[in-house]
Amino acid sequence: MKRLSWISACLLISAAPAFAAPESCERVKADIQQRIINNGVPETSFSLTIVPGDQVDQVDAQVVGHCANDTHKILYTRTSSGNAPGNPPAAQDGSQSEPQ
């Protein structure tokens, strides 16, 4: 009986990091999000997503962090809120604006 409880305790201790991984990833994601916002990027113009490390091949997404012992990646995706670099703002007088 002592042996069974000892084995159960060892299994729970070894599984503890797996249980803590989602919380750790959320904390890392929140830290990255705050850094991006502190750099002047509006919160509505991007999204961060936590994905398993083998699913990082998403179009228009950039890996900006990792968590859970590098088993998960945090992806940055720019949203279509009108701030995309391919859509320059229109000039107010109706003329075309030129890149400087």
Protein backbone atom coordinates (compact mmCIF):
# COMPACT_ATOMS: atom_id res chain seq x y z
CA MET A 1 0.00 0.00 0.00
CA LYS A 2 2.86 2.38 0.80
CA ARG A 3 4.39 1.60 -2.55
CA LEU A 4 1.18 2.51 -4.42
CA SER A 5 0.88 5.86 -2.65
CA TRP A 6 4.57 6.57 -3.32
CA ILE A 7 4.14 5.86 -7.03
CA SER A 8 1.02 8.03 -7.16
CA ALA A 9 2.85 10.89 -5.48
CA CYS A 10 5.74 10.63 -7.94
CA LEU A 11 3.36 10.68 -10.90
CA LEU A 12 1.58 13.77 -9.61
CA ILE A 13 4.84 15.61 -9.02
CA SER A 14 6.13 14.76 -12.48
CA ALA A 15 2.85 15.93 -14.07
CA ALA A 16 2.79 19.25 -12.17
CA PRO A 17 4.70 21.21 -14.87
CA ALA A 18 2.18 20.07 -17.48
CA PHE A 19 -0.67 21.39 -15.36
CA ALA A 20 1.11 24.73 -14.88
CA ALA A 21 1.95 25.18 -18.56
CA PRO A 22 -1.27 26.96 -19.66
CA GLU A 23 -0.99 29.46 -16.81
CA SER A 24 2.66 30.06 -17.66
CA CYS A 25 1.81 30.60 -21.33
CA GLU A 26 -0.94 33.07 -20.47
CA ARG A 27 1.48 35.03 -18.29
CA VAL A 28 4.12 35.13 -21.04
CA LYS A 29 1.47 36.15 -23.57
CA ALA A 30 0.27 38.98 -21.30
CA ASP A 31 3.85 40.21 -20.84
CA ILE A 32 4.47 40.24 -24.60
CA GLN A 33 1.14 41.98 -25.23
CA GLN A 34 2.01 44.71 -22.73
CA ARG A 35 5.42 45.26 -24.33
CA ILE A 36 3.85 45.63 -27.76
CA ILE A 37 1.29 48.12 -26.43
CA ASN A 38 4.06 50.05 -24.60
CA ASN A 39 5.82 50.41 -27.97
CA GLY A 40 2.84 52.36 -29.30
CA VAL A 41 0.93 49.63 -31.14
CA PRO A 42 -2.83 49.91 -30.50
CA GLU A 43 -4.28 46.86 -28.78
CA THR A 44 -6.96 46.52 -31.47
CA SER A 45 -4.44 46.24 -34.31
CA PHE A 46 -2.89 42.89 -33.38
CA SER A 47 -3.63 39.56 -31.79
CA LEU A 48 -1.49 37.03 -29.95
CA THR A 49 -2.24 33.33 -30.12
CA ILE A 50 -0.76 30.40 -28.20
CA VAL A 51 -0.30 27.33 -30.41
CA PRO A 52 1.51 24.01 -30.03
CA GLY A 53 5.08 24.18 -31.31
CA ASP A 54 4.34 22.00 -34.32
CA GLN A 55 1.52 24.27 -35.57
CA VAL A 56 3.42 27.52 -36.11
CA ASP A 57 3.06 27.54 -39.90
CA GLN A 58 0.30 30.14 -40.13
CA VAL A 59 0.15 32.70 -42.91
CA ASP A 60 0.95 36.29 -41.84
CA ALA A 61 1.90 35.21 -38.32
CA GLN A 62 5.23 35.79 -36.61
CA VAL A 63 6.57 33.85 -33.64
CA VAL A 64 7.22 36.39 -30.87
CA GLY A 65 7.66 34.06 -27.90
CA HIS A 66 7.58 30.56 -26.52
CA CYS A 67 6.45 28.93 -23.30
CA ALA A 68 5.86 25.59 -21.55
CA ASN A 69 9.46 24.48 -22.02
CA ASP A 70 9.35 25.53 -25.67
CA THR A 71 6.44 23.19 -26.48
CA HIS A 72 4.14 26.12 -27.32
CA LYS A 73 4.75 29.24 -29.40
CA ILE A 74 3.14 32.66 -29.19
CA LEU A 75 2.18 34.07 -32.59
CA TYR A 76 1.70 37.75 -33.46
CA THR A 77 -0.84 38.54 -36.16
CA ARG A 78 -1.69 42.02 -37.39
CA THR A 79 -5.45 42.55 -37.62
CA SER A 80 -7.21 44.43 -40.39
CA SER A 81 -8.00 47.62 -38.49
CA GLY A 82 -6.77 49.86 -41.28
CA ASN A 83 -3.19 50.04 -40.00
CA ALA A 84 -1.74 47.61 -42.53
CA PRO A 85 1.37 48.97 -44.30
CA GLY A 86 -0.14 48.17 -47.71
CA ASN A 87 -2.98 50.67 -47.14
CA PRO A 88 -1.48 54.17 -46.89
CA PRO A 89 -3.80 56.83 -45.51
CA ALA A 90 -5.50 59.01 -48.10
CA ALA A 91 -4.42 62.62 -48.32
CA GLN A 92 -6.93 65.09 -46.92
CA ASP A 93 -6.98 67.33 -49.99
CA GLY A 94 -7.87 64.43 -52.30
CA SER A 95 -4.46 64.14 -53.94
CA GLN A 96 -2.37 60.99 -53.82
CA SER A 97 0.15 60.85 -51.03
CA GLU A 98 3.69 59.90 -52.00
CA PRO A 99 6.08 57.84 -49.91
CA GLN A 100 8.86 59.89 -48.39
